[in-house]
Amino acid sequence: MSMSGCRFKKTCDAHKDSFKNFPEHFVKLIENHYCNGNETKCARYIVGKQLGRDKIPPTLKPNDTQKAKKLIK
């Protein structure tokens, strides 16, 4: 768990792709949970760390860790 937050936060497409139709307050909740200290629990972070940021599927949601585990195997 990082005190500064996720290293992919500034370039993450989750907001643009996965949550584009969600209310802003919901997006902020997700960001506060995953991007600001719990990034190791984020599926997008897991894939990015193991395979590289360019291998993160645009539709991968932060809570889809099962899909992330399949991608990195």
PDB file of N, CA and C in Angstrom:
ATOM      1  N   MET A   1       0.842  -1.180   0.000  1.00  0.00           N
ATOM      2  CA  MET A   1       0.000   0.000   0.000  1.00  0.00           C
ATOM      3  C   MET A   1       0.884   1.239   0.000  1.00  0.00           C
ATOM      4  N   SER A   2       0.629   2.114  -0.897  1.00  0.00           N
ATOM      5  CA  SER A   2       1.449   3.305  -1.067  1.00  0.00           C
ATOM      6  C   SER A   2       0.800   4.513  -0.408  1.00  0.00           C
ATOM      7  N   MET A   3       1.609   5.335   0.203  1.00  0.00           N
ATOM      8  CA  MET A   3       1.089   6.554   0.818  1.00  0.00           C
ATOM      9  C   MET A   3       0.789   7.612  -0.239  1.00  0.00           C
ATOM     10  N   SER A   4       1.475   7.556  -1.361  1.00  0.00           N
ATOM     11  CA  SER A   4       1.279   8.566  -2.394  1.00  0.00           C
ATOM     12  C   SER A   4       0.212   8.176  -3.408  1.00  0.00           C
ATOM     13  N   GLY A   5      -0.215   6.944  -3.395  1.00  0.00           N
ATOM     14  CA  GLY A   5      -1.234   6.500  -4.330  1.00  0.00           C
ATOM     15  C   GLY A   5      -0.647   5.761  -5.513  1.00  0.00           C
ATOM     16  N   CYS A   6      -1.508   5.384  -6.387  1.00  0.00           N
ATOM     17  CA  CYS A   6      -1.154   4.560  -7.536  1.00  0.00           C
ATOM     18  C   CYS A   6      -0.270   5.303  -8.533  1.00  0.00           C
ATOM     19  N   ARG A   7       0.748   4.620  -9.004  1.00  0.00           N
ATOM     20  CA  ARG A   7       1.647   5.232  -9.987  1.00  0.00           C
ATOM     21  C   ARG A   7       0.989   5.387 -11.356  1.00  0.00           C
ATOM     22  N   PHE A   8      -0.118   4.683 -11.585  1.00  0.00           N
ATOM     23  CA  PHE A   8      -0.827   4.781 -12.860  1.00  0.00           C
ATOM     24  C   PHE A   8      -1.983   5.781 -12.813  1.00  0.00           C
ATOM     25  N   LYS A   9      -2.203   6.392 -11.680  1.00  0.00           N
ATOM     26  CA  LYS A   9      -3.386   7.235 -11.476  1.00  0.00           C
ATOM     27  C   LYS A   9      -3.551   8.322 -12.541  1.00  0.00           C
ATOM     28  N   LYS A  10      -2.498   9.020 -12.853  1.00  0.00           N
ATOM     29  CA  LYS A  10      -2.612  10.141 -13.795  1.00  0.00           C
ATOM     30  C   LYS A  10      -2.874   9.695 -15.228  1.00  0.00           C
ATOM     31  N   THR A  11      -2.539   8.462 -15.547  1.00  0.00           N
ATOM     32  CA  THR A  11      -2.724   7.982 -16.917  1.00  0.00           C
ATOM     33  C   THR A  11      -3.757   6.867 -17.025  1.00  0.00           C
ATOM     34  N   CYS A  12      -4.437   6.568 -15.936  1.00  0.00           N
ATOM     35  CA  CYS A  12      -5.410   5.474 -15.916  1.00  0.00           C
ATOM     36  C   CYS A  12      -6.655   5.837 -16.719  1.00  0.00           C
ATOM     37  N   ASP A  13      -7.105   4.887 -17.512  1.00  0.00           N
ATOM     38  CA  ASP A  13      -8.290   5.095 -18.341  1.00  0.00           C
ATOM     39  C   ASP A  13      -9.579   4.651 -17.661  1.00  0.00           C
ATOM     40  N   ALA A  14      -9.515   4.215 -16.421  1.00  0.00           N
ATOM     41  CA  ALA A  14     -10.719   3.714 -15.740  1.00  0.00           C
ATOM     42  C   ALA A  14     -11.822   4.758 -15.732  1.00  0.00           C
ATOM     43  N   HIS A  15     -11.476   5.989 -15.460  1.00  0.00           N
ATOM     44  CA  HIS A  15     -12.495   7.036 -15.402  1.00  0.00           C
ATOM     45  C   HIS A  15     -13.096   7.285 -16.778  1.00  0.00           C
ATOM     46  N   LYS A  16     -12.249   7.282 -17.773  1.00  0.00           N
ATOM     47  CA  LYS A  16     -12.706   7.570 -19.132  1.00  0.00           C
ATOM     48  C   LYS A  16     -13.529   6.419 -19.711  1.00  0.00           C
ATOM     49  N   ASP A  17     -13.100   5.186 -19.462  1.00  0.00           N
ATOM     50  CA  ASP A  17     -13.741   4.040 -20.089  1.00  0.00           C
ATOM     51  C   ASP A  17     -14.745   3.322 -19.190  1.00  0.00           C
ATOM     52  N   SER A  18     -14.298   2.866 -18.049  1.00  0.00           N
ATOM     53  CA  SER A  18     -15.137   2.035 -17.194  1.00  0.00           C
ATOM     54  C   SER A  18     -16.237   2.802 -16.477  1.00  0.00           C
ATOM     55  N   PHE A  19     -15.980   4.054 -16.149  1.00  0.00           N
ATOM     56  CA  PHE A  19     -16.927   4.799 -15.323  1.00  0.00           C
ATOM     57  C   PHE A  19     -17.457   6.063 -15.983  1.00  0.00           C
ATOM     58  N   LYS A  20     -17.405   6.111 -17.296  1.00  0.00           N
ATOM     59  CA  LYS A  20     -17.804   7.339 -17.983  1.00  0.00           C
ATOM     60  C   LYS A  20     -19.277   7.689 -17.794  1.00  0.00           C
ATOM     61  N   ASN A  21     -20.128   6.718 -17.509  1.00  0.00           N
ATOM     62  CA  ASN A  21     -21.556   6.990 -17.340  1.00  0.00           C
ATOM     63  C   ASN A  21     -22.003   6.996 -15.880  1.00  0.00           C
ATOM     64  N   PHE A  22     -21.042   6.994 -14.971  1.00  0.00           N
ATOM     65  CA  PHE A  22     -21.364   6.969 -13.548  1.00  0.00           C
ATOM     66  C   PHE A  22     -21.335   8.386 -12.972  1.00  0.00           C
ATOM     67  N   PRO A  23     -22.098   8.617 -11.908  1.00  0.00           N
ATOM     68  CA  PRO A  23     -22.069   9.936 -11.259  1.00  0.00           C
ATOM     69  C   PRO A  23     -20.677  10.238 -10.702  1.00  0.00           C
ATOM     70  N   GLU A  24     -20.332  11.505 -10.695  1.00  0.00           N
ATOM     71  CA  GLU A  24     -19.002  11.919 -10.245  1.00  0.00           C
ATOM     72  C   GLU A  24     -18.709  11.480  -8.811  1.00  0.00           C
ATOM     73  N   HIS A  25     -19.708  11.520  -7.929  1.00  0.00           N
ATOM     74  CA  HIS A  25     -19.458  11.123  -6.538  1.00  0.00           C
ATOM     75  C   HIS A  25     -19.089   9.638  -6.439  1.00  0.00           C
ATOM     76  N   PHE A  26     -19.649   8.812  -7.317  1.00  0.00           N
ATOM     77  CA  PHE A  26     -19.294   7.391  -7.339  1.00  0.00           C
ATOM     78  C   PHE A  26     -17.846   7.217  -7.795  1.00  0.00           C
ATOM     79  N   VAL A  27     -17.474   7.935  -8.822  1.00  0.00           N
ATOM     80  CA  VAL A  27     -16.105   7.865  -9.337  1.00  0.00           C
ATOM     81  C   VAL A  27     -15.116   8.296  -8.252  1.00  0.00           C
ATOM     82  N   LYS A  28     -15.460   9.323  -7.494  1.00  0.00           N
ATOM     83  CA  LYS A  28     -14.589   9.787  -6.403  1.00  0.00           C
ATOM     84  C   LYS A  28     -14.440   8.717  -5.321  1.00  0.00           C
ATOM     85  N   LEU A  29     -15.521   7.999  -5.015  1.00  0.00           N
ATOM     86  CA  LEU A  29     -15.441   6.912  -4.034  1.00  0.00           C
ATOM     87  C   LEU A  29     -14.483   5.822  -4.504  1.00  0.00           C
ATOM     88  N   ILE A  30     -14.614   5.448  -5.761  1.00  0.00           N
ATOM     89  CA  ILE A  30     -13.729   4.429  -6.339  1.00  0.00           C
ATOM     90  C   ILE A  30     -12.285   4.915  -6.300  1.00  0.00           C
ATOM     91  N   GLU A  31     -12.088   6.151  -6.715  1.00  0.00           N
ATOM     92  CA  GLU A  31     -10.741   6.724  -6.726  1.00  0.00           C
ATOM     93  C   GLU A  31     -10.147   6.753  -5.318  1.00  0.00           C
ATOM     94  N   ASN A  32     -10.930   7.175  -4.350  1.00  0.00           N
ATOM     95  CA  ASN A  32     -10.431   7.221  -2.979  1.00  0.00           C
ATOM     96  C   ASN A  32     -10.084   5.828  -2.465  1.00  0.00           C
ATOM     97  N   HIS A  33     -10.868   4.837  -2.852  1.00  0.00           N
ATOM     98  CA  HIS A  33     -10.614   3.478  -2.370  1.00  0.00           C
ATOM     99  C   HIS A  33      -9.400   2.843  -3.046  1.00  0.00           C
ATOM    100  N   TYR A  34      -9.346   2.887  -4.358  1.00  0.00           N
ATOM    101  CA  TYR A  34      -8.294   2.179  -5.096  1.00  0.00           C
ATOM    102  C   TYR A  34      -7.065   3.030  -5.415  1.00  0.00           C
ATOM    103  N   CYS A  35      -7.251   4.256  -5.790  1.00  0.00           N
ATOM    104  CA  CYS A  35      -6.146   5.064  -6.321  1.00  0.00           C
ATOM    105  C   CYS A  35      -5.306   5.748  -5.251  1.00  0.00           C
ATOM    106  N   ASN A  36      -5.871   5.943  -4.089  1.00  0.00           N
ATOM    107  CA  ASN A  36      -5.183   6.720  -3.059  1.00  0.00           C
ATOM    108  C   ASN A  36      -4.728   5.876  -1.879  1.00  0.00           C
ATOM    109  N   GLY A  37      -4.155   4.723  -2.156  1.00  0.00           N
ATOM    110  CA  GLY A  37      -3.596   3.939  -1.070  1.00  0.00           C
ATOM    111  C   GLY A  37      -3.863   2.450  -1.116  1.00  0.00           C
ATOM    112  N   ASN A  38      -4.889   2.010  -1.827  1.00  0.00           N
ATOM    113  CA  ASN A  38      -5.192   0.580  -1.942  1.00  0.00           C
ATOM    114  C   ASN A  38      -4.942   0.070  -3.356  1.00  0.00           C
ATOM    115  N   GLU A  39      -3.995   0.661  -4.035  1.00  0.00           N
ATOM    116  CA  GLU A  39      -3.793   0.301  -5.440  1.00  0.00           C
ATOM    117  C   GLU A  39      -3.440  -1.167  -5.642  1.00  0.00           C
ATOM    118  N   THR A  40      -2.846  -1.812  -4.649  1.00  0.00           N
ATOM    119  CA  THR A  40      -2.486  -3.222  -4.812  1.00  0.00           C
ATOM    120  C   THR A  40      -3.716  -4.126  -4.878  1.00  0.00           C
ATOM    121  N   LYS A  41      -4.881  -3.594  -4.550  1.00  0.00           N
ATOM    122  CA  LYS A  41      -6.135  -4.343  -4.654  1.00  0.00           C
ATOM    123  C   LYS A  41      -6.875  -4.030  -5.957  1.00  0.00           C
ATOM    124  N   CYS A  42      -6.325  -3.147  -6.756  1.00  0.00           N
ATOM    125  CA  CYS A  42      -6.944  -2.712  -8.011  1.00  0.00           C
ATOM    126  C   CYS A  42      -6.511  -3.631  -9.157  1.00  0.00           C
ATOM    127  N   ALA A  43      -7.483  -4.155  -9.873  1.00  0.00           N
ATOM    128  CA  ALA A  43      -7.195  -5.049 -10.997  1.00  0.00           C
ATOM    129  C   ALA A  43      -6.347  -4.355 -12.059  1.00  0.00           C
ATOM    130  N   ARG A  44      -6.623  -3.096 -12.302  1.00  0.00           N
ATOM    131  CA  ARG A  44      -5.871  -2.346 -13.315  1.00  0.00           C
ATOM    132  C   ARG A  44      -4.409  -2.178 -12.887  1.00  0.00           C
ATOM    133  N   TYR A  45      -4.189  -1.923 -11.619  1.00  0.00           N
ATOM    134  CA  TYR A  45      -2.829  -1.800 -11.095  1.00  0.00           C
ATOM    135  C   TYR A  45      -2.098  -3.141 -11.192  1.00  0.00           C
ATOM    136  N   ILE A  46      -2.787  -4.211 -10.825  1.00  0.00           N
ATOM    137  CA  ILE A  46      -2.187  -5.548 -10.848  1.00  0.00           C
ATOM    138  C   ILE A  46      -1.685  -5.881 -12.251  1.00  0.00           C
ATOM    139  N   VAL A  47      -2.524  -5.664 -13.249  1.00  0.00           N
ATOM    140  CA  VAL A  47      -2.131  -5.954 -14.633  1.00  0.00           C
ATOM    141  C   VAL A  47      -1.010  -5.010 -15.077  1.00  0.00           C
ATOM    142  N   GLY A  48      -1.155  -3.737 -14.778  1.00  0.00           N
ATOM    143  CA  GLY A  48      -0.137  -2.766 -15.179  1.00  0.00           C
ATOM    144  C   GLY A  48       1.222  -3.049 -14.573  1.00  0.00           C
ATOM    145  N   LYS A  49       1.231  -3.432 -13.322  1.00  0.00           N
ATOM    146  CA  LYS A  49       2.497  -3.718 -12.645  1.00  0.00           C
ATOM    147  C   LYS A  49       3.159  -4.968 -13.217  1.00  0.00           C
ATOM    148  N   GLN A  50       2.368  -5.994 -13.496  1.00  0.00           N
ATOM    149  CA  GLN A  50       2.920  -7.262 -13.979  1.00  0.00           C
ATOM    150  C   GLN A  50       3.243  -7.267 -15.473  1.00  0.00           C
ATOM    151  N   LEU A  51       2.376  -6.652 -16.278  1.00  0.00           N
ATOM    152  CA  LEU A  51       2.513  -6.756 -17.731  1.00  0.00           C
ATOM    153  C   LEU A  51       2.856  -5.442 -18.428  1.00  0.00           C
ATOM    154  N   GLY A  52       2.713  -4.348 -17.717  1.00  0.00           N
ATOM    155  CA  GLY A  52       2.934  -3.033 -18.315  1.00  0.00           C
ATOM    156  C   GLY A  52       1.618  -2.308 -18.525  1.00  0.00           C
ATOM    157  N   ARG A  53       1.662  -1.006 -18.405  1.00  0.00           N
ATOM    158  CA  ARG A  53       0.456  -0.192 -18.500  1.00  0.00           C
ATOM    159  C   ARG A  53      -0.277  -0.394 -19.822  1.00  0.00           C
ATOM    160  N   ASP A  54       0.460  -0.608 -20.888  1.00  0.00           N
ATOM    161  CA  ASP A  54      -0.152  -0.773 -22.208  1.00  0.00           C
ATOM    162  C   ASP A  54      -0.941  -2.076 -22.347  1.00  0.00           C
ATOM    163  N   LYS A  55      -0.807  -2.978 -21.401  1.00  0.00           N
ATOM    164  CA  LYS A  55      -1.532  -4.256 -21.438  1.00  0.00           C
ATOM    165  C   LYS A  55      -2.819  -4.231 -20.612  1.00  0.00           C
ATOM    166  N   ILE A  56      -3.142  -3.095 -20.007  1.00  0.00           N
ATOM    167  CA  ILE A  56      -4.373  -2.988 -19.221  1.00  0.00           C
ATOM    168  C   ILE A  56      -5.549  -2.837 -20.186  1.00  0.00           C
ATOM    169  N   PRO A  57      -6.481  -3.792 -20.184  1.00  0.00           N
ATOM    170  CA  PRO A  57      -7.648  -3.653 -21.063  1.00  0.00           C
ATOM    171  C   PRO A  57      -8.455  -2.412 -20.679  1.00  0.00           C
ATOM    172  N   PRO A  58      -8.896  -1.631 -21.642  1.00  0.00           N
ATOM    173  CA  PRO A  58      -9.613  -0.395 -21.334  1.00  0.00           C
ATOM    174  C   PRO A  58     -10.888  -0.608 -20.520  1.00  0.00           C
ATOM    175  N   THR A  59     -11.496  -1.767 -20.646  1.00  0.00           N
ATOM    176  CA  THR A  59     -12.750  -2.020 -19.933  1.00  0.00           C
ATOM    177  C   THR A  59     -12.553  -2.709 -18.583  1.00  0.00           C
ATOM    178  N   LEU A  60     -11.313  -2.980 -18.209  1.00  0.00           N
ATOM    179  CA  LEU A  60     -11.047  -3.638 -16.930  1.00  0.00           C
ATOM    180  C   LEU A  60     -11.381  -2.691 -15.784  1.00  0.00           C
ATOM    181  N   LYS A  61     -12.277  -3.131 -14.927  1.00  0.00           N
ATOM    182  CA  LYS A  61     -12.684  -2.322 -13.781  1.00  0.00           C
ATOM    183  C   LYS A  61     -11.759  -2.609 -12.597  1.00  0.00           C
ATOM    184  N   PRO A  62     -11.565  -1.636 -11.719  1.00  0.00           N
ATOM    185  CA  PRO A  62     -10.660  -1.821 -10.583  1.00  0.00           C
ATOM    186  C   PRO A  62     -10.991  -3.032  -9.710  1.00  0.00           C
ATOM    187  N   ASN A  63     -12.260  -3.389  -9.613  1.00  0.00           N
ATOM    188  CA  ASN A  63     -12.640  -4.501  -8.738  1.00  0.00           C
ATOM    189  C   ASN A  63     -12.629  -5.860  -9.437  1.00  0.00           C
ATOM    190  N   ASP A  64     -12.231  -5.924 -10.678  1.00  0.00           N
ATOM    191  CA  ASP A  64     -12.248  -7.174 -11.441  1.00  0.00           C
ATOM    192  C   ASP A  64     -10.924  -7.926 -11.308  1.00  0.00           C
ATOM    193  N   THR A  65     -10.593  -8.279 -10.072  1.00  0.00           N
ATOM    194  CA  THR A  65      -9.306  -8.928  -9.817  1.00  0.00           C
ATOM    195  C   THR A  65      -9.238 -10.344 -10.385  1.00  0.00           C
ATOM    196  N   GLN A  66     -10.370 -11.023 -10.510  1.00  0.00           N
ATOM    197  CA  GLN A  66     -10.357 -12.368 -11.105  1.00  0.00           C
ATOM    198  C   GLN A  66      -9.885 -12.299 -12.555  1.00  0.00           C
ATOM    199  N   LYS A  67     -10.397 -11.333 -13.289  1.00  0.00           N
ATOM    200  CA  LYS A  67      -9.974 -11.154 -14.684  1.00  0.00           C
ATOM    201  C   LYS A  67      -8.494 -10.770 -14.741  1.00  0.00           C
ATOM    202  N   ALA A  68      -8.067  -9.926 -13.822  1.00  0.00           N
ATOM    203  CA  ALA A  68      -6.659  -9.514 -13.783  1.00  0.00           C
ATOM    204  C   ALA A  68      -5.750 -10.718 -13.563  1.00  0.00           C
ATOM    205  N   LYS A  69      -6.133 -11.592 -12.650  1.00  0.00           N
ATOM    206  CA  LYS A  69      -5.325 -12.783 -12.370  1.00  0.00           C
ATOM    207  C   LYS A  69      -5.232 -13.687 -13.589  1.00  0.00           C
ATOM    208  N   LYS A  70      -6.320 -13.798 -14.345  1.00  0.00           N
ATOM    209  CA  LYS A  70      -6.301 -14.608 -15.570  1.00  0.00           C
ATOM    210  C   LYS A  70      -5.384 -13.987 -16.617  1.00  0.00           C
ATOM    211  N   LEU A  71      -5.381 -12.670 -16.692  1.00  0.00           N
ATOM    212  CA  LEU A  71      -4.556 -11.982 -17.682  1.00  0.00           C
ATOM    213  C   LEU A  71      -3.064 -12.129 -17.412  1.00  0.00           C
ATOM    214  N   ILE A  72      -2.684 -12.188 -16.151  1.00  0.00           N
ATOM    215  CA  ILE A  72      -1.249 -12.235 -15.841  1.00  0.00           C
ATOM    216  C   ILE A  72      -0.695 -13.656 -15.771  1.00  0.00           C
ATOM    217  N   LYS A  73      -1.553 -14.646 -15.907  1.00  0.00           N
ATOM    218  CA  LYS A  73      -1.062 -16.037 -15.889  1.00  0.00           C
ATOM    219  C   LYS A  73      -0.439 -16.408 -17.193  1.00  0.00           C
TER     220      LYS A  73
END
